[in-house]
Amino acid sequence: FSLEHWAWYRRPIGKEREWIASILSSGTTAYSD
């Protein structure tokens, strides 16, 4: 687990799944606008 990068995605009704947030194994984070 600690060596993987993880993320959250979401799918609004009627839309495609989208990436919204991630955290790398290093702890670095990123977010959608």
All heavy atoms as atom14 arrays in JSON, in Angstrom:
{
  "sequence": "FSLEHWAWYRRPIGKEREWIASILSSGTTAYSD",
  "atom14_mask": [
    [1, 1, 1, 1, 1, 1, 1, 1, 1, 1, 1, 0, 0, 0],
    [1, 1, 1, 1, 1, 1, 0, 0, 0, 0, 0, 0, 0, 0],
    [1, 1, 1, 1, 1, 1, 1, 1, 0, 0, 0, 0, 0, 0],
    [1, 1, 1, 1, 1, 1, 1, 1, 1, 0, 0, 0, 0, 0],
    [1, 1, 1, 1, 1, 1, 1, 1, 1, 1, 0, 0, 0, 0],
    [1, 1, 1, 1, 1, 1, 1, 1, 1, 1, 1, 1, 1, 1],
    [1, 1, 1, 1, 1, 0, 0, 0, 0, 0, 0, 0, 0, 0],
    [1, 1, 1, 1, 1, 1, 1, 1, 1, 1, 1, 1, 1, 1],
    [1, 1, 1, 1, 1, 1, 1, 1, 1, 1, 1, 1, 0, 0],
    [1, 1, 1, 1, 1, 1, 1, 1, 1, 1, 1, 0, 0, 0],
    [1, 1, 1, 1, 1, 1, 1, 1, 1, 1, 1, 0, 0, 0],
    [1, 1, 1, 1, 1, 1, 1, 0, 0, 0, 0, 0, 0, 0],
    [1, 1, 1, 1, 1, 1, 1, 1, 0, 0, 0, 0, 0, 0],
    [1, 1, 1, 1, 0, 0, 0, 0, 0, 0, 0, 0, 0, 0],
    [1, 1, 1, 1, 1, 1, 1, 1, 1, 0, 0, 0, 0, 0],
    [1, 1, 1, 1, 1, 1, 1, 1, 1, 0, 0, 0, 0, 0],
    [1, 1, 1, 1, 1, 1, 1, 1, 1, 1, 1, 0, 0, 0],
    [1, 1, 1, 1, 1, 1, 1, 1, 1, 0, 0, 0, 0, 0],
    [1, 1, 1, 1, 1, 1, 1, 1, 1, 1, 1, 1, 1, 1],
    [1, 1, 1, 1, 1, 1, 1, 1, 0, 0, 0, 0, 0, 0],
    [1, 1, 1, 1, 1, 0, 0, 0, 0, 0, 0, 0, 0, 0],
    [1, 1, 1, 1, 1, 1, 0, 0, 0, 0, 0, 0, 0, 0],
    [1, 1, 1, 1, 1, 1, 1, 1, 0, 0, 0, 0, 0, 0],
    [1, 1, 1, 1, 1, 1, 1, 1, 0, 0, 0, 0, 0, 0],
    [1, 1, 1, 1, 1, 1, 0, 0, 0, 0, 0, 0, 0, 0],
    [1, 1, 1, 1, 1, 1, 0, 0, 0, 0, 0, 0, 0, 0],
    [1, 1, 1, 1, 0, 0, 0, 0, 0, 0, 0, 0, 0, 0],
    [1, 1, 1, 1, 1, 1, 1, 0, 0, 0, 0, 0, 0, 0],
    [1, 1, 1, 1, 1, 1, 1, 0, 0, 0, 0, 0, 0, 0],
    [1, 1, 1, 1, 1, 0, 0, 0, 0, 0, 0, 0, 0, 0],
    [1, 1, 1, 1, 1, 1, 1, 1, 1, 1, 1, 1, 0, 0],
    [1, 1, 1, 1, 1, 1, 0, 0, 0, 0, 0, 0, 0, 0],
    [1, 1, 1, 1, 1, 1, 1, 1, 0, 0, 0, 0, 0, 0]
  ],
  "atom14_positions": [
    [[0.82, -1.21, 0.0], [0.0, 0.0, 0.0], [0.86, 1.26, 0.0], [0.56, 2.22, -0.71], [-0.93, 0.0, 1.22], [-1.75, 1.25, 1.36], [-3.01, 1.33, 0.79], [-1.26, 2.34, 2.07], [-3.77, 2.48, 0.92], [-2.01, 3.49, 2.21], [-3.28, 3.56, 1.63], [0.0, 0.0, 0.0], [0.0, 0.0, 0.0], [0.0, 0.0, 0.0]],
    [[1.91, 1.26, 0.8], [2.72, 2.45, 0.97], [3.51, 2.84, -0.27], [3.95, 3.99, -0.38], [3.68, 2.27, 2.15], [4.63, 1.25, 1.88], [0.0, 0.0, 0.0], [0.0, 0.0, 0.0], [0.0, 0.0, 0.0], [0.0, 0.0, 0.0], [0.0, 0.0, 0.0], [0.0, 0.0, 0.0], [0.0, 0.0, 0.0], [0.0, 0.0, 0.0]],
    [[3.67, 1.92, -1.19], [4.41, 2.2, -2.42], [3.51, 2.59, -3.58], [4.01, 2.95, -4.65], [5.26, 0.98, -2.81], [6.33, 0.56, -1.8], [7.1, -0.64, -2.33], [7.27, 1.71, -1.5], [0.0, 0.0, 0.0], [0.0, 0.0, 0.0], [0.0, 0.0, 0.0], [0.0, 0.0, 0.0], [0.0, 0.0, 0.0], [0.0, 0.0, 0.0]],
    [[2.21, 2.51, -3.39], [1.25, 2.83, -4.44], [0.85, 4.3, -4.38], [0.97, 4.96, -3.34], [0.0, 1.96, -4.31], [0.25, 0.48, -4.45], [0.41, 0.05, -5.89], [0.11, 0.85, -6.79], [0.84, -1.1, -6.12], [0.0, 0.0, 0.0], [0.0, 0.0, 0.0], [0.0, 0.0, 0.0], [0.0, 0.0, 0.0], [0.0, 0.0, 0.0]],
    [[0.39, 4.8, -5.51], [-0.25, 6.11, -5.56], [-1.76, 5.9, -5.52], [-2.29, 4.99, -6.17], [0.11, 6.86, -6.84], [1.59, 6.93, -7.1], [2.51, 7.17, -6.1], [2.3, 6.81, -8.25], [3.73, 7.18, -6.63], [3.62, 6.97, -7.93], [0.0, 0.0, 0.0], [0.0, 0.0, 0.0], [0.0, 0.0, 0.0], [0.0, 0.0, 0.0]],
    [[-2.44, 6.75, -4.78], [-3.88, 6.58, -4.59], [-4.63, 7.83, -5.01], [-4.07, 8.93, -5.04], [-4.2, 6.24, -3.13], [-3.58, 4.95, -2.73], [-2.4, 4.76, -2.07], [-4.1, 3.64, -3.0], [-2.15, 3.42, -1.9], [-3.17, 2.71, -2.47], [-5.25, 3.17, -3.64], [-3.37, 1.33, -2.56], [-5.45, 1.8, -3.73], [-4.51, 0.9, -3.18]],
    [[-5.91, 7.64, -5.35], [-6.69, 8.76, -5.87], [-8.15, 8.59, -5.54], [-8.64, 7.5, -5.25], [-6.51, 8.9, -7.39], [0.0, 0.0, 0.0], [0.0, 0.0, 0.0], [0.0, 0.0, 0.0], [0.0, 0.0, 0.0], [0.0, 0.0, 0.0], [0.0, 0.0, 0.0], [0.0, 0.0, 0.0], [0.0, 0.0, 0.0], [0.0, 0.0, 0.0]],
    [[-8.87, 9.7, -5.59], [-10.32, 9.72, -5.53], [-10.86, 10.17, -6.88], [-10.3, 11.07, -7.51], [-10.83, 10.65, -4.43], [-10.73, 10.07, -3.05], [-9.71, 10.23, -2.17], [-11.69, 9.23, -2.41], [-9.97, 9.55, -1.01], [-11.18, 8.92, -1.12], [-12.93, 8.71, -2.78], [-11.87, 8.12, -0.22], [-13.62, 7.91, -1.88], [-13.09, 7.62, -0.62]],
    [[-11.93, 9.52, -7.27], [-12.65, 9.83, -8.5], [-14.12, 10.02, -8.15], [-14.58, 9.56, -7.11], [-12.5, 8.71, -9.53], [-11.08, 8.3, -9.84], [-10.38, 7.45, -8.99], [-10.44, 8.74, -10.99], [-9.08, 7.05, -9.27], [-9.14, 8.36, -11.28], [-8.47, 7.51, -10.42], [-7.18, 7.13, -10.71], [0.0, 0.0, 0.0], [0.0, 0.0, 0.0]],
    [[-14.85, 10.66, -9.04], [-16.29, 10.78, -8.82], [-17.03, 10.72, -10.15], [-16.47, 11.04, -11.2], [-16.64, 12.06, -8.07], [-16.41, 13.35, -8.86], [-16.7, 14.56, -7.99], [-16.55, 15.81, -8.71], [-16.64, 17.01, -8.14], [-16.89, 17.12, -6.84], [-16.49, 18.1, -8.88], [0.0, 0.0, 0.0], [0.0, 0.0, 0.0], [0.0, 0.0, 0.0]],
    [[-18.28, 10.28, -10.07], [-19.11, 10.19, -11.26], [-20.48, 10.81, -10.97], [-21.33, 10.19, -10.32], [-19.28, 8.73, -11.68], [-20.16, 8.55, -12.93], [-20.17, 7.1, -13.39], [-20.63, 6.2, -12.36], [-21.9, 5.99, -12.05], [-22.86, 6.65, -12.68], [-22.22, 5.13, -11.09], [0.0, 0.0, 0.0], [0.0, 0.0, 0.0], [0.0, 0.0, 0.0]],
    [[-20.69, 12.04, -11.43], [-22.02, 12.64, -11.32], [-23.0, 11.88, -12.2], [-22.61, 11.25, -13.19], [-21.81, 14.08, -11.84], [-20.33, 14.31, -11.75], [-19.72, 12.97, -12.02], [0.0, 0.0, 0.0], [0.0, 0.0, 0.0], [0.0, 0.0, 0.0], [0.0, 0.0, 0.0], [0.0, 0.0, 0.0], [0.0, 0.0, 0.0], [0.0, 0.0, 0.0]],
    [[-24.26, 11.92, -11.87], [-25.26, 11.22, -12.66], [-25.25, 11.76, -14.09], [-25.21, 12.98, -14.31], [-26.67, 11.35, -12.04], [-27.66, 10.44, -12.74], [-27.14, 12.8, -12.07], [-27.39, 8.98, -12.48], [0.0, 0.0, 0.0], [0.0, 0.0, 0.0], [0.0, 0.0, 0.0], [0.0, 0.0, 0.0], [0.0, 0.0, 0.0], [0.0, 0.0, 0.0]],
    [[-25.23, 10.85, -15.04], [-25.24, 11.25, -16.44], [-23.9, 11.68, -16.99], [-23.83, 12.08, -18.16], [0.0, 0.0, 0.0], [0.0, 0.0, 0.0], [0.0, 0.0, 0.0], [0.0, 0.0, 0.0], [0.0, 0.0, 0.0], [0.0, 0.0, 0.0], [0.0, 0.0, 0.0], [0.0, 0.0, 0.0], [0.0, 0.0, 0.0], [0.0, 0.0, 0.0]],
    [[-22.85, 11.62, -16.2], [-21.53, 12.03, -16.65], [-20.51, 10.91, -16.45], [-20.77, 9.92, -15.76], [-21.07, 13.28, -15.9], [-21.93, 14.51, -16.13], [-21.36, 15.72, -15.41], [-22.19, 16.96, -15.68], [-21.63, 18.15, -14.99], [0.0, 0.0, 0.0], [0.0, 0.0, 0.0], [0.0, 0.0, 0.0], [0.0, 0.0, 0.0], [0.0, 0.0, 0.0]],
    [[-19.36, 11.08, -17.06], [-18.29, 10.1, -16.93], [-17.54, 10.29, -15.62], [-17.54, 11.36, -15.02], [-17.32, 10.23, -18.1], [-17.93, 9.92, -19.45], [-18.41, 8.5, -19.54], [-17.68, 7.58, -19.12], [-19.53, 8.3, -20.04], [0.0, 0.0, 0.0], [0.0, 0.0, 0.0], [0.0, 0.0, 0.0], [0.0, 0.0, 0.0], [0.0, 0.0, 0.0]],
    [[-16.91, 9.24, -15.17], [-16.09, 9.29, -13.97], [-14.9, 10.2, -14.21], [-14.29, 10.18, -15.28], [-15.63, 7.88, -13.6], [-14.82, 7.82, -12.32], [-14.83, 6.42, -11.7], [-14.96, 5.35, -12.65], [-15.62, 4.22, -12.4], [-16.21, 4.04, -11.23], [-15.68, 3.27, -13.33], [0.0, 0.0, 0.0], [0.0, 0.0, 0.0], [0.0, 0.0, 0.0]],
    [[-14.57, 11.02, -13.22], [-13.48, 11.95, -13.34], [-12.56, 11.87, -12.13], [-13.0, 11.6, -11.01], [-13.99, 13.39, -13.48], [-14.77, 13.88, -12.27], [-15.22, 15.32, -12.37], [-14.67, 16.06, -13.2], [-16.14, 15.71, -11.62], [0.0, 0.0, 0.0], [0.0, 0.0, 0.0], [0.0, 0.0, 0.0], [0.0, 0.0, 0.0], [0.0, 0.0, 0.0]],
    [[-11.29, 12.12, -12.34], [-10.31, 12.2, -11.28], [-10.44, 13.53, -10.56], [-10.62, 14.58, -11.21], [-8.9, 12.06, -11.87], [-7.8, 12.42, -10.91], [-7.17, 11.61, -10.03], [-7.22, 13.72, -10.75], [-6.22, 12.3, -9.32], [-6.22, 13.6, -9.74], [-7.42, 14.96, -11.34], [-5.44, 14.68, -9.32], [-6.64, 16.04, -10.93], [-5.67, 15.89, -9.94]],
    [[-10.35, 13.53, -9.24], [-10.45, 14.78, -8.5], [-9.31, 15.0, -7.52], [-9.01, 16.15, -7.19], [-11.79, 14.89, -7.75], [-11.99, 13.72, -6.78], [-12.96, 15.01, -8.72], [-13.16, 13.89, -5.85], [0.0, 0.0, 0.0], [0.0, 0.0, 0.0], [0.0, 0.0, 0.0], [0.0, 0.0, 0.0], [0.0, 0.0, 0.0], [0.0, 0.0, 0.0]],
    [[-8.67, 13.94, -7.05], [-7.61, 14.13, -6.08], [-6.7, 12.92, -6.06], [-7.14, 11.79, -6.3], [-8.17, 14.37, -4.67], [0.0, 0.0, 0.0], [0.0, 0.0, 0.0], [0.0, 0.0, 0.0], [0.0, 0.0, 0.0], [0.0, 0.0, 0.0], [0.0, 0.0, 0.0], [0.0, 0.0, 0.0], [0.0, 0.0, 0.0], [0.0, 0.0, 0.0]],
    [[-5.44, 13.12, -5.77], [-4.5, 12.01, -5.67], [-3.44, 12.3, -4.63], [-3.17, 13.46, -4.3], [-3.83, 11.73, -7.03], [-3.12, 12.87, -7.5], [0.0, 0.0, 0.0], [0.0, 0.0, 0.0], [0.0, 0.0, 0.0], [0.0, 0.0, 0.0], [0.0, 0.0, 0.0], [0.0, 0.0, 0.0], [0.0, 0.0, 0.0], [0.0, 0.0, 0.0]],
    [[-2.87, 11.23, -4.13], [-1.76, 11.34, -3.2], [-0.74, 10.29, -3.59], [-1.04, 9.11, -3.71], [-2.23, 11.18, -1.73], [-1.05, 11.35, -0.78], [-2.95, 9.85, -1.51], [-1.47, 11.54, 0.67], [0.0, 0.0, 0.0], [0.0, 0.0, 0.0], [0.0, 0.0, 0.0], [0.0, 0.0, 0.0], [0.0, 0.0, 0.0], [0.0, 0.0, 0.0]],
    [[0.48, 10.73, -3.82], [1.55, 9.84, -4.23], [2.12, 9.1, -3.03], [1.86, 9.45, -1.88], [2.65, 10.61, -4.96], [2.21, 11.47, -6.15], [3.44, 12.06, -6.84], [1.38, 10.66, -7.13], [0.0, 0.0, 0.0], [0.0, 0.0, 0.0], [0.0, 0.0, 0.0], [0.0, 0.0, 0.0], [0.0, 0.0, 0.0], [0.0, 0.0, 0.0]],
    [[2.92, 8.1, -3.31], [3.55, 7.35, -2.23], [4.4, 8.25, -1.34], [4.54, 8.0, -0.14], [4.41, 6.22, -2.8], [5.43, 6.72, -3.63], [0.0, 0.0, 0.0], [0.0, 0.0, 0.0], [0.0, 0.0, 0.0], [0.0, 0.0, 0.0], [0.0, 0.0, 0.0], [0.0, 0.0, 0.0], [0.0, 0.0, 0.0], [0.0, 0.0, 0.0]],
    [[4.94, 9.31, -1.92], [5.74, 10.26, -1.18], [4.92, 11.17, -0.29], [5.47, 11.85, 0.58], [6.55, 11.12, -2.16], [5.69, 11.9, -2.96], [0.0, 0.0, 0.0], [0.0, 0.0, 0.0], [0.0, 0.0, 0.0], [0.0, 0.0, 0.0], [0.0, 0.0, 0.0], [0.0, 0.0, 0.0], [0.0, 0.0, 0.0], [0.0, 0.0, 0.0]],
    [[3.61, 11.22, -0.51], [2.74, 12.12, 0.21], [2.34, 13.35, -0.57], [1.47, 14.11, -0.12], [0.0, 0.0, 0.0], [0.0, 0.0, 0.0], [0.0, 0.0, 0.0], [0.0, 0.0, 0.0], [0.0, 0.0, 0.0], [0.0, 0.0, 0.0], [0.0, 0.0, 0.0], [0.0, 0.0, 0.0], [0.0, 0.0, 0.0], [0.0, 0.0, 0.0]],
    [[2.93, 13.56, -1.71], [2.58, 14.7, -2.55], [1.14, 14.57, -3.04], [0.73, 13.51, -3.48], [3.53, 14.78, -3.75], [4.87, 14.97, -3.29], [3.15, 15.95, -4.66], [0.0, 0.0, 0.0], [0.0, 0.0, 0.0], [0.0, 0.0, 0.0], [0.0, 0.0, 0.0], [0.0, 0.0, 0.0], [0.0, 0.0, 0.0], [0.0, 0.0, 0.0]],
    [[0.39, 15.66, -2.96], [-1.01, 15.65, -3.35], [-1.27, 16.53, -4.56], [-0.5, 17.45, -4.85], [-1.91, 16.11, -2.2], [-1.54, 17.44, -1.8], [-1.78, 15.18, -1.0], [0.0, 0.0, 0.0], [0.0, 0.0, 0.0], [0.0, 0.0, 0.0], [0.0, 0.0, 0.0], [0.0, 0.0, 0.0], [0.0, 0.0, 0.0], [0.0, 0.0, 0.0]],
    [[-2.37, 16.24, -5.24], [-2.8, 17.03, -6.37], [-4.31, 16.99, -6.44], [-4.93, 16.02, -6.02], [-2.18, 16.51, -7.68], [0.0, 0.0, 0.0], [0.0, 0.0, 0.0], [0.0, 0.0, 0.0], [0.0, 0.0, 0.0], [0.0, 0.0, 0.0], [0.0, 0.0, 0.0], [0.0, 0.0, 0.0], [0.0, 0.0, 0.0], [0.0, 0.0, 0.0]],
    [[-4.9, 18.06, -6.99], [-6.34, 18.17, -7.04], [-6.78, 18.75, -8.37], [-6.06, 19.52, -9.01], [-6.85, 19.08, -5.92], [-6.46, 18.63, -4.54], [-5.27, 19.07, -3.96], [-7.26, 17.75, -3.83], [-4.9, 18.64, -2.69], [-6.9, 17.32, -2.57], [-5.72, 17.77, -2.01], [-5.36, 17.33, -0.75], [0.0, 0.0, 0.0], [0.0, 0.0, 0.0]],
    [[-7.99, 18.38, -8.78], [-8.58, 19.0, -9.94], [-8.99, 20.42, -9.59], [-9.2, 20.76, -8.42], [-9.79, 18.2, -10.43], [-10.85, 18.28, -9.5], [0.0, 0.0, 0.0], [0.0, 0.0, 0.0], [0.0, 0.0, 0.0], [0.0, 0.0, 0.0], [0.0, 0.0, 0.0], [0.0, 0.0, 0.0], [0.0, 0.0, 0.0], [0.0, 0.0, 0.0]],
    [[-9.13, 21.24, -10.61], [-9.51, 22.63, -10.37], [-10.87, 22.75, -9.67], [-11.1, 23.69, -8.91], [-9.55, 23.4, -11.69], [-8.16, 23.63, -12.26], [-7.18, 23.55, -11.51], [-8.08, 23.91, -13.48], [0.0, 0.0, 0.0], [0.0, 0.0, 0.0], [0.0, 0.0, 0.0], [0.0, 0.0, 0.0], [0.0, 0.0, 0.0], [0.0, 0.0, 0.0]]
  ]
}
